[in-house]
Amino acid sequence: MPPSEGVSLLPWAQAEEDIPSGPDPKQLADLQARVDALNTRYRHHSATAVLEGALRDPEAGDIAMVSSFGAESVALLHLVAMVDRSVPVLFIDTLLLFAETLTYQQEIAERLNLSDMHIIRASDEVINQRDPYGALKFTNQDACCLLRKTEPLNQALDGFDGWITGRKRFQSGSRAALEFFELEAETGRIKVNPLAHWAPEDVRAYMDENRLPRHPLVAQGYPSIGCAPCTTKVAEGEDPRSGRWRGQQKEECGIHFGKDGPIRTGAKT
């Protein structure tokens, strides 16, 4: 599906070995001090205040938003649109997404008048080199995520000091202690999680109060939505993210780094 008018398409062809190394220990220490100061400054603030602070506080730097346009994404997208519609919004099209997600992305971007949308994709050349038969999604899901998500996003975020995510503490054990601001040590970027403390009912209430359209797959039994080959329906009583990489010891696609470093090919979280 071609990008809408006014939307930039950014294919990525950079080889993995060309990615520059991360910041040195002194830079990391300085960045961690900035993150700690931001968390102290906004500790008791609302999601909107955290978002406003991230976009305007010099300590946070130049920020973009990354959105999957998934089951709950519209809540944070709406918050961003209310604060500043010109914030760059990056959407990773893995070329394996549900058709419903692609349609939903276009509808929400237009409805919220997001004026700086970027569609991020790995280049055809890189995909043909490393996944010529499209088999990675079956044989090595970590390598597939690295190729189609992590690497293109890293390139798209080059030049930004940080990025806004929709992660929340309730989503998985690895996110249970999530703060509003965190340091991504591998890249030296600051991640902003305005909805970190929101519960599922908070998200639903916000979407209801603002009459925001749901992703069409939610009503079909998909409370958490990723790529089509790696997402299944969730039965009543199951964890909402149990349909992601079902049967695999995998909780994250790899775009989010943990304290001990990035989730790399072959690693399980």
C-alpha atoms as a PDB file:
ATOM      1  CA  MET A   1       0.000   0.000   0.000  1.00  0.00           C
ATOM      2  CA  PRO A   2       1.567   3.332  -1.035  1.00  0.00           C
ATOM      3  CA  PRO A   3       1.998   6.064   1.570  1.00  0.00           C
ATOM      4  CA  SER A   4      -0.605   8.811   1.753  1.00  0.00           C
ATOM      5  CA  GLU A   5       0.052  12.250   0.348  1.00  0.00           C
ATOM      6  CA  GLY A   6       2.335  14.208   2.662  1.00  0.00           C
ATOM      7  CA  VAL A   7       3.755  11.046   4.234  1.00  0.00           C
ATOM      8  CA  SER A   8       7.445  10.283   3.793  1.00  0.00           C
ATOM      9  CA  LEU A   9       8.640   6.762   3.048  1.00  0.00           C
ATOM     10  CA  LEU A  10      12.077   5.946   4.442  1.00  0.00           C
ATOM     11  CA  PRO A  11      13.522   2.610   3.240  1.00  0.00           C
ATOM     12  CA  TRP A  12      16.732   1.576   4.958  1.00  0.00           C
ATOM     13  CA  ALA A  13      19.632  -0.070   3.185  1.00  0.00           C
ATOM     14  CA  GLN A  14      22.442   0.417   5.717  1.00  0.00           C
ATOM     15  CA  ALA A  15      24.353  -2.751   6.592  1.00  0.00           C
ATOM     16  CA  GLU A  16      24.297  -3.828  10.226  1.00  0.00           C
ATOM     17  CA  GLU A  17      28.098  -3.618  10.483  1.00  0.00           C
ATOM     18  CA  ASP A  18      27.958   0.068   9.460  1.00  0.00           C
ATOM     19  CA  ILE A  19      25.910   1.069  12.512  1.00  0.00           C
ATOM     20  CA  PRO A  20      28.070   3.416  14.618  1.00  0.00           C
ATOM     21  CA  SER A  21      29.054   2.330  18.100  1.00  0.00           C
ATOM     22  CA  GLY A  22      27.183   3.679  21.096  1.00  0.00           C
ATOM     23  CA  PRO A  23      28.232   6.429  23.494  1.00  0.00           C
ATOM     24  CA  ASP A  24      31.249   6.079  25.769  1.00  0.00           C
ATOM     25  CA  PRO A  25      30.917   5.518  29.545  1.00  0.00           C
ATOM     26  CA  LYS A  26      31.276   9.230  30.369  1.00  0.00           C
ATOM     27  CA  GLN A  27      28.488  10.141  27.936  1.00  0.00           C
ATOM     28  CA  LEU A  28      26.309   7.361  29.333  1.00  0.00           C
ATOM     29  CA  ALA A  29      26.843   8.615  32.877  1.00  0.00           C
ATOM     30  CA  ASP A  30      25.860  12.139  31.835  1.00  0.00           C
ATOM     31  CA  LEU A  31      22.793  10.838  29.989  1.00  0.00           C
ATOM     32  CA  GLN A  32      21.735   8.715  32.965  1.00  0.00           C
ATOM     33  CA  ALA A  33      21.993  11.791  35.185  1.00  0.00           C
ATOM     34  CA  ARG A  34      19.671  13.635  32.767  1.00  0.00           C
ATOM     35  CA  VAL A  35      17.206  10.745  32.813  1.00  0.00           C
ATOM     36  CA  ASP A  36      17.261  10.615  36.619  1.00  0.00           C
ATOM     37  CA  ALA A  37      16.652  14.370  36.769  1.00  0.00           C
ATOM     38  CA  LEU A  38      13.719  14.103  34.358  1.00  0.00           C
ATOM     39  CA  ASN A  39      12.139  11.269  36.363  1.00  0.00           C
ATOM     40  CA  THR A  40      12.510  13.296  39.560  1.00  0.00           C
ATOM     41  CA  ARG A  41      11.075  16.413  37.908  1.00  0.00           C
ATOM     42  CA  TYR A  42       8.011  14.676  36.446  1.00  0.00           C
ATOM     43  CA  ARG A  43       7.549  11.834  38.940  1.00  0.00           C
ATOM     44  CA  HIS A  44       4.079  12.862  40.084  1.00  0.00           C
ATOM     45  CA  HIS A  45       2.891  14.404  36.826  1.00  0.00           C
ATOM     46  CA  SER A  46       0.135  13.242  34.502  1.00  0.00           C
ATOM     47  CA  ALA A  47       0.749  11.568  31.160  1.00  0.00           C
ATOM     48  CA  THR A  48      -0.017  14.833  29.378  1.00  0.00           C
ATOM     49  CA  ALA A  49       2.432  16.779  31.549  1.00  0.00           C
ATOM     50  CA  VAL A  50       5.144  14.156  30.978  1.00  0.00           C
ATOM     51  CA  LEU A  51       4.549  14.346  27.243  1.00  0.00           C
ATOM     52  CA  GLU A  52       4.623  18.154  27.255  1.00  0.00           C
ATOM     53  CA  GLY A  53       7.805  18.068  29.303  1.00  0.00           C
ATOM     54  CA  ALA A  54       9.461  15.591  26.961  1.00  0.00           C
ATOM     55  CA  LEU A  55       8.707  17.774  23.956  1.00  0.00           C
ATOM     56  CA  ARG A  56       9.702  21.075  25.568  1.00  0.00           C
ATOM     57  CA  ASP A  57      12.287  20.309  28.247  1.00  0.00           C
ATOM     58  CA  PRO A  58      15.851  20.934  26.979  1.00  0.00           C
ATOM     59  CA  GLU A  59      17.024  17.952  29.034  1.00  0.00           C
ATOM     60  CA  ALA A  60      14.987  15.615  26.816  1.00  0.00           C
ATOM     61  CA  GLY A  61      16.324  16.959  23.517  1.00  0.00           C
ATOM     62  CA  ASP A  62      14.838  16.430  20.063  1.00  0.00           C
ATOM     63  CA  ILE A  63      12.091  13.788  20.273  1.00  0.00           C
ATOM     64  CA  ALA A  64      10.141  11.665  17.768  1.00  0.00           C
ATOM     65  CA  MET A  65       7.227   9.317  18.411  1.00  0.00           C
ATOM     66  CA  VAL A  66       7.247   5.668  17.362  1.00  0.00           C
ATOM     67  CA  SER A  67       3.858   4.004  16.988  1.00  0.00           C
ATOM     68  CA  SER A  68       2.711   0.573  15.851  1.00  0.00           C
ATOM     69  CA  PHE A  69      -0.858   1.849  15.324  1.00  0.00           C
ATOM     70  CA  GLY A  70      -1.879  -1.236  17.255  1.00  0.00           C
ATOM     71  CA  ALA A  71      -4.672  -2.035  19.676  1.00  0.00           C
ATOM     72  CA  GLU A  72      -4.013   0.797  22.170  1.00  0.00           C
ATOM     73  CA  SER A  73      -1.878   3.150  20.089  1.00  0.00           C
ATOM     74  CA  VAL A  74      -4.612   5.660  19.341  1.00  0.00           C
ATOM     75  CA  ALA A  75      -4.705   6.870  22.968  1.00  0.00           C
ATOM     76  CA  LEU A  76      -1.101   8.102  22.926  1.00  0.00           C
ATOM     77  CA  LEU A  77      -1.380   9.310  19.335  1.00  0.00           C
ATOM     78  CA  HIS A  78      -4.348  11.440  20.390  1.00  0.00           C
ATOM     79  CA  LEU A  79      -2.401  12.836  23.355  1.00  0.00           C
ATOM     80  CA  VAL A  80       0.494  13.736  21.063  1.00  0.00           C
ATOM     81  CA  ALA A  81      -1.861  15.375  18.580  1.00  0.00           C
ATOM     82  CA  MET A  82      -3.385  17.477  21.371  1.00  0.00           C
ATOM     83  CA  VAL A  83       0.060  18.684  22.466  1.00  0.00           C
ATOM     84  CA  ASP A  84       1.766  19.107  19.081  1.00  0.00           C
ATOM     85  CA  ARG A  85       0.557  17.652  15.766  1.00  0.00           C
ATOM     86  CA  SER A  86       3.906  18.409  14.156  1.00  0.00           C
ATOM     87  CA  VAL A  87       5.816  15.850  16.228  1.00  0.00           C
ATOM     88  CA  PRO A  88       7.491  13.353  13.860  1.00  0.00           C
ATOM     89  CA  VAL A  89       5.609  10.036  14.039  1.00  0.00           C
ATOM     90  CA  LEU A  90       7.466   6.934  12.837  1.00  0.00           C
ATOM     91  CA  PHE A  91       5.492   3.865  11.757  1.00  0.00           C
ATOM     92  CA  ILE A  92       7.428   0.696  10.928  1.00  0.00           C
ATOM     93  CA  ASP A  93       5.892  -1.196   8.031  1.00  0.00           C
ATOM     94  CA  THR A  94       7.476  -4.645   8.183  1.00  0.00           C
ATOM     95  CA  LEU A  95       5.620  -5.695   5.010  1.00  0.00           C
ATOM     96  CA  LEU A  96       4.154  -8.472   7.202  1.00  0.00           C
ATOM     97  CA  LEU A  97       1.471  -6.415   8.937  1.00  0.00           C
ATOM     98  CA  PHE A  98      -2.244  -7.103   8.829  1.00  0.00           C
ATOM     99  CA  ALA A  99      -4.019  -5.220   6.040  1.00  0.00           C
ATOM    100  CA  GLU A 100      -6.303  -3.832   8.750  1.00  0.00           C
ATOM    101  CA  THR A 101      -3.306  -2.211  10.481  1.00  0.00           C
ATOM    102  CA  LEU A 102      -2.218  -0.433   7.299  1.00  0.00           C
ATOM    103  CA  THR A 103      -5.721   0.913   6.715  1.00  0.00           C
ATOM    104  CA  TYR A 104      -6.085   1.916  10.367  1.00  0.00           C
ATOM    105  CA  GLN A 105      -2.754   3.763  10.271  1.00  0.00           C
ATOM    106  CA  GLN A 106      -3.884   5.918   7.375  1.00  0.00           C
ATOM    107  CA  GLU A 107      -7.288   6.608   8.929  1.00  0.00           C
ATOM    108  CA  ILE A 108      -5.895   7.627  12.324  1.00  0.00           C
ATOM    109  CA  ALA A 109      -3.110   9.778  10.861  1.00  0.00           C
ATOM    110  CA  GLU A 110      -5.692  11.668   8.797  1.00  0.00           C
ATOM    111  CA  ARG A 111      -8.247  11.939  11.602  1.00  0.00           C
ATOM    112  CA  LEU A 112      -5.678  13.316  14.071  1.00  0.00           C
ATOM    113  CA  ASN A 113      -4.062  15.487  11.394  1.00  0.00           C
ATOM    114  CA  LEU A 114      -0.576  14.188  12.168  1.00  0.00           C
ATOM    115  CA  SER A 115       1.467  16.424   9.907  1.00  0.00           C
ATOM    116  CA  ASP A 116       4.853  14.669  10.004  1.00  0.00           C
ATOM    117  CA  MET A 117       4.233  10.953   9.387  1.00  0.00           C
ATOM    118  CA  HIS A 118       7.108   8.717   8.318  1.00  0.00           C
ATOM    119  CA  ILE A 119       6.608   5.163   7.014  1.00  0.00           C
ATOM    120  CA  ILE A 120       9.756   3.162   7.841  1.00  0.00           C
ATOM    121  CA  ARG A 121      10.687   0.033   5.888  1.00  0.00           C
ATOM    122  CA  ALA A 122      13.752  -2.085   5.285  1.00  0.00           C
ATOM    123  CA  SER A 123      14.845  -1.714   1.667  1.00  0.00           C
ATOM    124  CA  ASP A 124      14.033  -4.393  -0.904  1.00  0.00           C
ATOM    125  CA  GLU A 125      17.780  -4.885  -1.375  1.00  0.00           C
ATOM    126  CA  VAL A 126      18.417  -5.702   2.290  1.00  0.00           C
ATOM    127  CA  ILE A 127      15.376  -7.984   2.528  1.00  0.00           C
ATOM    128  CA  ASN A 128      16.391  -9.847  -0.632  1.00  0.00           C
ATOM    129  CA  GLN A 129      19.898 -10.336   0.764  1.00  0.00           C
ATOM    130  CA  ARG A 130      18.917 -11.626   4.179  1.00  0.00           C
ATOM    131  CA  ASP A 131      15.425 -13.064   3.728  1.00  0.00           C
ATOM    132  CA  PRO A 132      15.087 -13.852   0.008  1.00  0.00           C
ATOM    133  CA  TYR A 133      12.392 -16.489   0.501  1.00  0.00           C
ATOM    134  CA  GLY A 134      10.520 -14.763   3.339  1.00  0.00           C
ATOM    135  CA  ALA A 135      11.254 -17.692   5.643  1.00  0.00           C
ATOM    136  CA  LEU A 136      12.768 -15.860   8.636  1.00  0.00           C
ATOM    137  CA  LYS A 137       9.338 -15.303  10.172  1.00  0.00           C
ATOM    138  CA  PHE A 138       9.125 -19.087  10.572  1.00  0.00           C
ATOM    139  CA  THR A 139      12.765 -20.094  11.129  1.00  0.00           C
ATOM    140  CA  ASN A 140      14.179 -17.239  13.237  1.00  0.00           C
ATOM    141  CA  GLN A 141      11.708 -14.675  14.526  1.00  0.00           C
ATOM    142  CA  ASP A 142      14.414 -12.669  16.300  1.00  0.00           C
ATOM    143  CA  ALA A 143      16.359 -12.272  13.054  1.00  0.00           C
ATOM    144  CA  CYS A 144      13.158 -11.300  11.268  1.00  0.00           C
ATOM    145  CA  CYS A 145      12.403  -8.594  13.852  1.00  0.00           C
ATOM    146  CA  LEU A 146      15.990  -7.360  13.642  1.00  0.00           C
ATOM    147  CA  LEU A 147      15.821  -7.074   9.861  1.00  0.00           C
ATOM    148  CA  ARG A 148      12.349  -5.592   9.508  1.00  0.00           C
ATOM    149  CA  LYS A 149      11.958  -3.544  12.712  1.00  0.00           C
ATOM    150  CA  THR A 150      15.009  -2.856  14.846  1.00  0.00           C
ATOM    151  CA  GLU A 151      17.530  -1.900  12.188  1.00  0.00           C
ATOM    152  CA  PRO A 152      15.193   0.331  10.114  1.00  0.00           C
ATOM    153  CA  LEU A 153      14.019   2.097  13.269  1.00  0.00           C
ATOM    154  CA  ASN A 154      17.570   2.722  14.486  1.00  0.00           C
ATOM    155  CA  GLN A 155      18.367   4.383  11.187  1.00  0.00           C
ATOM    156  CA  ALA A 156      15.150   6.433  11.198  1.00  0.00           C
ATOM    157  CA  LEU A 157      15.916   7.670  14.731  1.00  0.00           C
ATOM    158  CA  ASP A 158      19.390   8.816  13.760  1.00  0.00           C
ATOM    159  CA  GLY A 159      19.564  12.508  14.618  1.00  0.00           C
ATOM    160  CA  PHE A 160      16.930  12.329  17.355  1.00  0.00           C
ATOM    161  CA  ASP A 161      17.867  12.499  21.043  1.00  0.00           C
ATOM    162  CA  GLY A 162      14.982  10.281  22.079  1.00  0.00           C
ATOM    163  CA  TRP A 163      11.624   8.769  21.241  1.00  0.00           C
ATOM    164  CA  ILE A 164       8.142   8.421  22.704  1.00  0.00           C
ATOM    165  CA  THR A 165       6.734   4.927  23.237  1.00  0.00           C
ATOM    166  CA  GLY A 166       3.345   3.597  24.320  1.00  0.00           C
ATOM    167  CA  ARG A 167       4.742   0.980  26.713  1.00  0.00           C
ATOM    168  CA  LYS A 168       2.986   0.414  30.029  1.00  0.00           C
ATOM    169  CA  ARG A 169       3.904  -1.443  33.198  1.00  0.00           C
ATOM    170  CA  PHE A 170       0.980  -3.850  33.021  1.00  0.00           C
ATOM    171  CA  GLN A 171       1.924  -5.241  29.600  1.00  0.00           C
ATOM    172  CA  SER A 172       4.601  -7.740  30.655  1.00  0.00           C
ATOM    173  CA  GLY A 173       6.957  -8.692  33.450  1.00  0.00           C
ATOM    174  CA  SER A 174       9.868  -7.021  31.687  1.00  0.00           C
ATOM    175  CA  ARG A 175       7.988  -3.689  31.850  1.00  0.00           C
ATOM    176  CA  ALA A 176       6.819  -3.912  35.473  1.00  0.00           C
ATOM    177  CA  ALA A 177       9.245  -1.261  36.756  1.00  0.00           C
ATOM    178  CA  LEU A 178       8.998   1.053  33.749  1.00  0.00           C
ATOM    179  CA  GLU A 179       9.667   4.751  34.447  1.00  0.00           C
ATOM    180  CA  PHE A 180       8.517   7.805  32.498  1.00  0.00           C
ATOM    181  CA  PHE A 181      12.048   8.348  31.199  1.00  0.00           C
ATOM    182  CA  GLU A 182      14.737   5.747  30.599  1.00  0.00           C
ATOM    183  CA  LEU A 183      18.134   5.565  28.970  1.00  0.00           C
ATOM    184  CA  GLU A 184      18.695   3.364  25.945  1.00  0.00           C
ATOM    185  CA  ALA A 185      22.338   2.611  26.638  1.00  0.00           C
ATOM    186  CA  GLU A 186      23.080   0.990  23.278  1.00  0.00           C
ATOM    187  CA  THR A 187      22.248   4.173  21.346  1.00  0.00           C
ATOM    188  CA  GLY A 188      22.397   6.923  23.965  1.00  0.00           C
ATOM    189  CA  ARG A 189      18.804   7.920  23.286  1.00  0.00           C
ATOM    190  CA  ILE A 190      16.221   8.762  25.931  1.00  0.00           C
ATOM    191  CA  LYS A 191      12.938   6.870  25.773  1.00  0.00           C
ATOM    192  CA  VAL A 192       9.770   8.531  27.024  1.00  0.00           C
ATOM    193  CA  ASN A 193       6.896   6.396  28.321  1.00  0.00           C
ATOM    194  CA  PRO A 194       4.049   8.830  29.168  1.00  0.00           C
ATOM    195  CA  LEU A 195       1.541   6.011  29.764  1.00  0.00           C
ATOM    196  CA  ALA A 196       3.871   3.903  31.927  1.00  0.00           C
ATOM    197  CA  HIS A 197       1.521   3.997  34.929  1.00  0.00           C
ATOM    198  CA  TRP A 198      -1.761   3.608  33.057  1.00  0.00           C
ATOM    199  CA  ALA A 199      -3.836   0.499  33.715  1.00  0.00           C
ATOM    200  CA  PRO A 200      -5.939  -1.210  31.008  1.00  0.00           C
ATOM    201  CA  GLU A 201      -9.075   0.533  32.288  1.00  0.00           C
ATOM    202  CA  ASP A 202      -7.332   3.914  31.983  1.00  0.00           C
ATOM    203  CA  VAL A 203      -6.636   3.276  28.309  1.00  0.00           C
ATOM    204  CA  ARG A 204     -10.211   2.138  27.638  1.00  0.00           C
ATOM    205  CA  ALA A 205     -11.669   5.110  29.522  1.00  0.00           C
ATOM    206  CA  TYR A 206      -9.514   7.588  27.598  1.00  0.00           C
ATOM    207  CA  MET A 207     -10.499   6.063  24.266  1.00  0.00           C
ATOM    208  CA  ASP A 208     -14.186   6.078  25.239  1.00  0.00           C
ATOM    209  CA  GLU A 209     -14.156   9.655  26.538  1.00  0.00           C
ATOM    210  CA  ASN A 210     -12.502  10.920  23.369  1.00  0.00           C
ATOM    211  CA  ARG A 211     -14.515   8.669  21.048  1.00  0.00           C
ATOM    212  CA  LEU A 212     -11.411   7.254  19.439  1.00  0.00           C
ATOM    213  CA  PRO A 213     -11.821   4.469  16.875  1.00  0.00           C
ATOM    214  CA  ARG A 214     -10.542   1.020  17.823  1.00  0.00           C
ATOM    215  CA  HIS A 215      -8.274  -1.078  15.679  1.00  0.00           C
ATOM    216  CA  PRO A 216     -10.721  -3.348  13.802  1.00  0.00           C
ATOM    217  CA  LEU A 217      -8.904  -6.527  14.862  1.00  0.00           C
ATOM    218  CA  VAL A 218      -9.540  -5.886  18.576  1.00  0.00           C
ATOM    219  CA  ALA A 219     -13.191  -6.881  18.178  1.00  0.00           C
ATOM    220  CA  GLN A 220     -12.042 -10.075  16.468  1.00  0.00           C
ATOM    221  CA  GLY A 221     -10.017 -11.257  19.481  1.00  0.00           C
ATOM    222  CA  TYR A 222      -6.651  -9.557  18.999  1.00  0.00           C
ATOM    223  CA  PRO A 223      -5.950  -7.356  22.070  1.00  0.00           C
ATOM    224  CA  SER A 224      -2.269  -7.009  21.082  1.00  0.00           C
ATOM    225  CA  ILE A 225      -1.391  -6.732  17.398  1.00  0.00           C
ATOM    226  CA  GLY A 226       1.929  -7.192  15.636  1.00  0.00           C
ATOM    227  CA  CYS A 227       2.887  -8.832  12.367  1.00  0.00           C
ATOM    228  CA  ALA A 228       0.283 -11.193  10.922  1.00  0.00           C
ATOM    229  CA  PRO A 229       2.436 -14.373  10.921  1.00  0.00           C
ATOM    230  CA  CYS A 230       3.379 -13.903  14.593  1.00  0.00           C
ATOM    231  CA  THR A 231       0.047 -12.764  16.078  1.00  0.00           C
ATOM    232  CA  THR A 232      -2.841 -15.024  17.070  1.00  0.00           C
ATOM    233  CA  LYS A 233      -6.190 -14.483  18.713  1.00  0.00           C
ATOM    234  CA  VAL A 234      -6.333 -14.492  22.497  1.00  0.00           C
ATOM    235  CA  ALA A 235      -8.868 -16.561  24.417  1.00  0.00           C
ATOM    236  CA  GLU A 236     -10.880 -15.142  27.307  1.00  0.00           C
ATOM    237  CA  GLY A 237      -8.780 -15.099  30.472  1.00  0.00           C
ATOM    238  CA  GLU A 238      -5.441 -15.224  28.658  1.00  0.00           C
ATOM    239  CA  ASP A 239      -2.823 -12.508  29.013  1.00  0.00           C
ATOM    240  CA  PRO A 240      -3.466  -9.887  26.295  1.00  0.00           C
ATOM    241  CA  ARG A 241       0.046 -10.329  24.892  1.00  0.00           C
ATOM    242  CA  SER A 242      -0.107 -14.132  24.842  1.00  0.00           C
ATOM    243  CA  GLY A 243      -1.036 -13.985  21.189  1.00  0.00           C
ATOM    244  CA  ARG A 244       2.315 -12.414  20.294  1.00  0.00           C
ATOM    245  CA  TRP A 245       4.910 -15.022  19.302  1.00  0.00           C
ATOM    246  CA  ARG A 246       2.748 -17.742  20.828  1.00  0.00           C
ATOM    247  CA  GLY A 247       4.751 -20.738  21.962  1.00  0.00           C
ATOM    248  CA  GLN A 248       8.038 -18.820  21.864  1.00  0.00           C
ATOM    249  CA  GLN A 249      10.101 -17.507  24.775  1.00  0.00           C
ATOM    250  CA  LYS A 250       9.842 -14.009  23.364  1.00  0.00           C
ATOM    251  CA  GLU A 251       8.119 -10.915  24.786  1.00  0.00           C
ATOM    252  CA  GLU A 252       9.592  -8.075  22.714  1.00  0.00           C
ATOM    253  CA  CYS A 253      10.245  -7.570  19.019  1.00  0.00           C
ATOM    254  CA  GLY A 254      13.655  -6.078  19.779  1.00  0.00           C
ATOM    255  CA  ILE A 255      13.124  -2.348  19.291  1.00  0.00           C
ATOM    256  CA  HIS A 256      13.095  -1.907  23.084  1.00  0.00           C
ATOM    257  CA  PHE A 257      16.399  -2.474  24.860  1.00  0.00           C
ATOM    258  CA  GLY A 258      16.705  -3.808  28.390  1.00  0.00           C
ATOM    259  CA  LYS A 259      19.164  -2.795  31.074  1.00  0.00           C
ATOM    260  CA  ASP A 260      21.629  -5.451  29.944  1.00  0.00           C
ATOM    261  CA  GLY A 261      21.637  -4.452  26.290  1.00  0.00           C
ATOM    262  CA  PRO A 262      19.574  -5.023  23.165  1.00  0.00           C
ATOM    263  CA  ILE A 263      17.606  -8.126  22.351  1.00  0.00           C
ATOM    264  CA  ARG A 264      19.779  -9.620  19.639  1.00  0.00           C
ATOM    265  CA  THR A 265      19.325 -12.330  17.052  1.00  0.00           C
ATOM    266  CA  GLY A 266      18.737 -15.652  18.775  1.00  0.00           C
ATOM    267  CA  ALA A 267      18.181 -14.085  22.207  1.00  0.00           C
ATOM    268  CA  LYS A 268      14.994 -14.607  24.146  1.00  0.00           C
ATOM    269  CA  THR A 269      13.573 -12.265  26.750  1.00  0.00           C
END
